[in-house]
C-alpha cells in the first residue's frame, strides 16, 4: 500500500506557487497584468489570503501553468487548485 503524503498548508503552497510564477519574467508580467497588482501590492500582500488567492486564481485560469506549477512543486494540480479554498479568502 502506497503511503499518502499529507496535504501542504494552503498558504505555504500559494507562496511556493508565487515563487514559481515569479521565476519567469513572462509569467510574472502576466500575473501583474491580469490581476491588476503592482509589485508593491504583491509584496505588501504576501501574508494576505486575498493576495495569495489571486495568485492561485491566476494559475487555475490557465491550465498549462497550473499543471506546470503543480509538477514543479511536486503536488497534484487538484491539490494546488484546492489550496485556494483552504485560504478562506
N, C-alpha and C. Protein backbone atom coordinates (compact mmCIF):
# COMPACT_ATOMS: atom_id res chain seq x y z
N UNK A 1 0.84 -1.18 0.00
CA UNK A 1 0.00 0.00 0.00
C UNK A 1 0.88 1.24 0.00
N UNK A 2 0.58 2.16 -0.87
CA UNK A 2 1.37 3.38 -1.01
C UNK A 2 1.01 4.38 0.09
N UNK A 3 2.04 4.95 0.68
CA UNK A 3 1.83 5.92 1.75
C UNK A 3 1.41 7.26 1.17
N UNK A 4 0.36 7.84 1.75
CA UNK A 4 -0.11 9.15 1.29
C UNK A 4 0.69 10.25 1.98
N UNK A 5 1.05 11.25 1.23
CA UNK A 5 1.72 12.39 1.84
C UNK A 5 0.66 13.37 2.30
N UNK A 6 0.91 14.02 3.42
CA UNK A 6 -0.09 14.99 3.90
C UNK A 6 -0.19 16.17 2.94
N UNK A 7 -1.39 16.75 2.90
CA UNK A 7 -1.58 17.93 2.05
C UNK A 7 -0.80 19.10 2.63
N UNK A 8 -0.26 19.90 1.74
CA UNK A 8 0.52 21.06 2.15
C UNK A 8 -0.40 22.15 2.70
N UNK A 9 0.16 22.95 3.56
CA UNK A 9 -0.55 24.11 4.08
C UNK A 9 -0.91 25.01 2.90
N UNK A 10 -2.18 25.45 2.80
CA UNK A 10 -2.58 26.27 1.65
C UNK A 10 -1.75 27.54 1.48
N UNK A 11 -1.42 28.21 2.57
CA UNK A 11 -0.62 29.44 2.46
C UNK A 11 0.79 29.13 1.96
N UNK A 12 1.39 28.08 2.49
CA UNK A 12 2.73 27.70 2.05
C UNK A 12 2.71 27.28 0.57
N UNK A 13 1.68 26.57 0.18
CA UNK A 13 1.56 26.15 -1.21
C UNK A 13 1.38 27.35 -2.14
N UNK A 14 0.55 28.31 -1.72
CA UNK A 14 0.35 29.52 -2.53
C UNK A 14 1.64 30.32 -2.64
N UNK A 15 2.39 30.42 -1.55
CA UNK A 15 3.67 31.14 -1.61
C UNK A 15 4.67 30.43 -2.50
N UNK A 16 4.68 29.10 -2.45
CA UNK A 16 5.57 28.34 -3.34
C UNK A 16 5.16 28.54 -4.80
N UNK A 17 3.86 28.56 -5.05
CA UNK A 17 3.37 28.79 -6.41
C UNK A 17 3.75 30.19 -6.88
N UNK A 18 3.66 31.15 -5.99
CA UNK A 18 4.07 32.52 -6.35
C UNK A 18 5.55 32.56 -6.70
N UNK A 19 6.36 31.88 -5.92
CA UNK A 19 7.80 31.82 -6.23
C UNK A 19 8.03 31.22 -7.60
N UNK A 20 7.29 30.17 -7.93
CA UNK A 20 7.42 29.55 -9.24
C UNK A 20 7.02 30.54 -10.34
N UNK A 21 5.92 31.25 -10.11
CA UNK A 21 5.45 32.23 -11.10
C UNK A 21 6.49 33.32 -11.33
N UNK A 22 7.04 33.84 -10.25
CA UNK A 22 7.95 34.97 -10.35
C UNK A 22 9.32 34.61 -10.92
N UNK A 23 9.61 33.31 -10.98
CA UNK A 23 10.89 32.87 -11.53
C UNK A 23 10.97 33.07 -13.05
N UNK A 24 9.85 33.32 -13.67
CA UNK A 24 9.80 33.53 -15.12
C UNK A 24 9.23 34.92 -15.40
N UNK A 25 10.00 35.76 -16.07
CA UNK A 25 9.58 37.15 -16.30
C UNK A 25 8.27 37.25 -17.06
N UNK A 26 8.05 36.39 -18.05
CA UNK A 26 6.80 36.45 -18.83
C UNK A 26 5.60 36.11 -17.96
N UNK A 27 5.73 35.04 -17.17
CA UNK A 27 4.63 34.66 -16.28
C UNK A 27 4.39 35.74 -15.24
N UNK A 28 5.46 36.28 -14.68
CA UNK A 28 5.32 37.33 -13.67
C UNK A 28 4.62 38.55 -14.26
N UNK A 29 4.98 38.91 -15.47
CA UNK A 29 4.34 40.05 -16.13
C UNK A 29 2.86 39.81 -16.38
N UNK A 30 2.52 38.58 -16.80
CA UNK A 30 1.10 38.23 -17.00
C UNK A 30 0.34 38.27 -15.69
N UNK A 31 0.96 37.77 -14.62
CA UNK A 31 0.30 37.80 -13.30
C UNK A 31 -0.06 39.22 -12.92
N UNK A 32 0.89 40.12 -13.05
CA UNK A 32 0.64 41.52 -12.69
C UNK A 32 -0.40 42.15 -13.61
N UNK A 33 -0.28 41.88 -14.89
CA UNK A 33 -1.21 42.49 -15.85
C UNK A 33 -2.64 42.00 -15.64
N UNK A 34 -2.79 40.71 -15.42
CA UNK A 34 -4.14 40.15 -15.32
C UNK A 34 -4.79 40.34 -13.96
N UNK A 35 -3.98 40.47 -12.91
CA UNK A 35 -4.55 40.68 -11.58
C UNK A 35 -4.69 42.16 -11.25
N UNK A 36 -3.97 43.00 -11.99
CA UNK A 36 -4.01 44.43 -11.70
C UNK A 36 -3.13 44.83 -10.52
N UNK A 37 -2.39 43.87 -9.99
CA UNK A 37 -1.49 44.18 -8.87
C UNK A 37 -0.19 44.79 -9.39
N UNK A 38 0.40 45.59 -8.55
CA UNK A 38 1.74 46.09 -8.81
C UNK A 38 2.72 45.25 -7.99
N UNK A 39 4.01 45.33 -8.29
CA UNK A 39 4.97 44.61 -7.45
C UNK A 39 4.85 45.02 -5.98
N UNK A 40 4.55 46.27 -5.72
CA UNK A 40 4.40 46.74 -4.35
C UNK A 40 3.18 46.11 -3.69
N UNK A 41 2.06 46.01 -4.44
CA UNK A 41 0.86 45.35 -3.92
C UNK A 41 1.17 43.90 -3.55
N UNK A 42 1.89 43.25 -4.42
CA UNK A 42 2.23 41.85 -4.21
C UNK A 42 3.08 41.68 -2.95
N UNK A 43 4.10 42.50 -2.81
CA UNK A 43 4.96 42.43 -1.62
C UNK A 43 4.16 42.71 -0.35
N UNK A 44 3.33 43.73 -0.40
CA UNK A 44 2.56 44.11 0.78
C UNK A 44 1.52 43.05 1.17
N UNK A 45 1.06 42.29 0.21
CA UNK A 45 0.01 41.32 0.47
C UNK A 45 0.46 39.88 0.60
N UNK A 46 1.74 39.64 0.76
CA UNK A 46 2.24 38.27 0.80
C UNK A 46 1.58 37.40 1.86
N UNK A 47 1.19 37.98 2.97
CA UNK A 47 0.56 37.19 4.02
C UNK A 47 -0.95 37.26 4.00
N UNK A 48 -1.50 37.93 3.01
CA UNK A 48 -2.95 38.13 2.93
C UNK A 48 -3.62 37.04 2.10
N UNK A 49 -4.66 36.41 2.65
CA UNK A 49 -5.37 35.38 1.88
C UNK A 49 -5.89 35.87 0.53
N UNK A 50 -6.33 37.11 0.45
CA UNK A 50 -6.86 37.62 -0.83
C UNK A 50 -5.76 37.68 -1.89
N UNK A 51 -4.59 38.10 -1.51
CA UNK A 51 -3.47 38.18 -2.47
C UNK A 51 -3.04 36.79 -2.90
N UNK A 52 -2.88 35.90 -1.93
CA UNK A 52 -2.48 34.53 -2.27
C UNK A 52 -3.57 33.83 -3.07
N UNK A 53 -4.82 34.14 -2.77
CA UNK A 53 -5.92 33.60 -3.55
C UNK A 53 -5.88 34.07 -4.99
N UNK A 54 -5.52 35.33 -5.20
CA UNK A 54 -5.40 35.87 -6.56
C UNK A 54 -4.31 35.14 -7.33
N UNK A 55 -3.24 34.79 -6.65
CA UNK A 55 -2.16 34.03 -7.29
C UNK A 55 -2.68 32.66 -7.74
N UNK A 56 -3.39 31.98 -6.85
CA UNK A 56 -3.92 30.67 -7.21
C UNK A 56 -5.02 30.76 -8.26
N UNK A 57 -5.84 31.80 -8.20
CA UNK A 57 -6.85 32.02 -9.24
C UNK A 57 -6.18 32.19 -10.60
N UNK A 58 -5.10 32.94 -10.62
CA UNK A 58 -4.35 33.16 -11.85
C UNK A 58 -3.89 31.83 -12.43
N UNK A 59 -3.34 30.97 -11.58
CA UNK A 59 -2.87 29.67 -12.06
C UNK A 59 -4.03 28.80 -12.54
N UNK A 60 -5.11 28.80 -11.80
CA UNK A 60 -6.26 27.96 -12.15
C UNK A 60 -6.93 28.41 -13.45
N UNK A 61 -6.75 29.65 -13.81
CA UNK A 61 -7.37 30.18 -15.02
C UNK A 61 -6.61 29.77 -16.29
N UNK A 62 -5.41 29.23 -16.12
CA UNK A 62 -4.60 28.83 -17.29
C UNK A 62 -4.02 27.45 -16.99
N UNK A 63 -4.70 26.42 -17.47
CA UNK A 63 -4.35 25.04 -17.13
C UNK A 63 -2.89 24.68 -17.39
N UNK A 64 -2.28 25.12 -18.51
CA UNK A 64 -0.87 24.76 -18.70
C UNK A 64 0.03 25.27 -17.55
N UNK A 65 -0.24 26.47 -17.06
CA UNK A 65 0.54 26.99 -15.93
C UNK A 65 0.22 26.21 -14.67
N UNK A 66 -1.04 25.88 -14.45
CA UNK A 66 -1.43 25.12 -13.26
C UNK A 66 -0.71 23.78 -13.23
N UNK A 67 -0.72 23.09 -14.35
CA UNK A 67 -0.08 21.78 -14.43
C UNK A 67 1.43 21.90 -14.26
N UNK A 68 2.03 22.89 -14.90
CA UNK A 68 3.48 23.08 -14.78
C UNK A 68 3.88 23.45 -13.36
N UNK A 69 3.11 24.32 -12.72
CA UNK A 69 3.42 24.72 -11.34
C UNK A 69 3.28 23.52 -10.41
N UNK A 70 2.20 22.77 -10.57
CA UNK A 70 1.99 21.59 -9.72
C UNK A 70 3.14 20.60 -9.89
N UNK A 71 3.56 20.39 -11.12
CA UNK A 71 4.67 19.49 -11.39
C UNK A 71 5.94 19.99 -10.71
N UNK A 72 6.22 21.28 -10.84
CA UNK A 72 7.42 21.85 -10.24
C UNK A 72 7.38 21.78 -8.71
N UNK A 73 6.18 21.87 -8.14
CA UNK A 73 6.05 21.85 -6.68
C UNK A 73 5.84 20.45 -6.13
N UNK A 74 5.67 19.47 -7.02
CA UNK A 74 5.52 18.09 -6.59
C UNK A 74 4.18 17.77 -5.96
N UNK A 75 3.14 18.45 -6.43
CA UNK A 75 1.79 18.18 -5.93
C UNK A 75 0.86 17.97 -7.12
N UNK A 76 -0.25 17.28 -6.90
CA UNK A 76 -1.22 17.16 -8.00
C UNK A 76 -1.86 18.51 -8.29
N UNK A 77 -2.19 18.78 -9.55
CA UNK A 77 -2.85 20.05 -9.88
C UNK A 77 -4.10 20.30 -9.05
N UNK A 78 -4.85 19.24 -8.76
CA UNK A 78 -6.08 19.40 -7.97
C UNK A 78 -5.77 19.91 -6.57
N UNK A 79 -4.65 19.50 -6.00
CA UNK A 79 -4.28 19.97 -4.66
C UNK A 79 -3.91 21.45 -4.69
N UNK A 80 -3.24 21.84 -5.74
CA UNK A 80 -2.89 23.26 -5.89
C UNK A 80 -4.16 24.08 -6.06
N UNK A 81 -5.09 23.60 -6.85
CA UNK A 81 -6.36 24.31 -7.04
C UNK A 81 -7.17 24.34 -5.74
N UNK A 82 -7.15 23.25 -4.99
CA UNK A 82 -7.91 23.17 -3.74
C UNK A 82 -7.32 24.08 -2.67
N UNK A 83 -6.06 24.42 -2.79
CA UNK A 83 -5.44 25.31 -1.80
C UNK A 83 -6.14 26.66 -1.78
N UNK A 84 -6.72 27.05 -2.91
CA UNK A 84 -7.45 28.30 -3.00
C UNK A 84 -8.58 28.34 -1.99
N UNK A 85 -9.31 27.26 -1.90
CA UNK A 85 -10.43 27.18 -0.95
C UNK A 85 -9.90 27.16 0.48
N UNK A 86 -8.77 26.55 0.69
CA UNK A 86 -8.19 26.45 2.02
C UNK A 86 -7.70 27.76 2.59
N UNK A 87 -7.56 28.77 1.74
CA UNK A 87 -7.09 30.08 2.21
C UNK A 87 -8.20 30.84 2.93
N UNK A 88 -9.43 30.50 2.65
CA UNK A 88 -10.55 31.18 3.30
C UNK A 88 -10.74 32.60 2.86
N UNK A 89 -10.25 32.97 1.69
CA UNK A 89 -10.39 34.34 1.20
C UNK A 89 -11.65 34.49 0.38
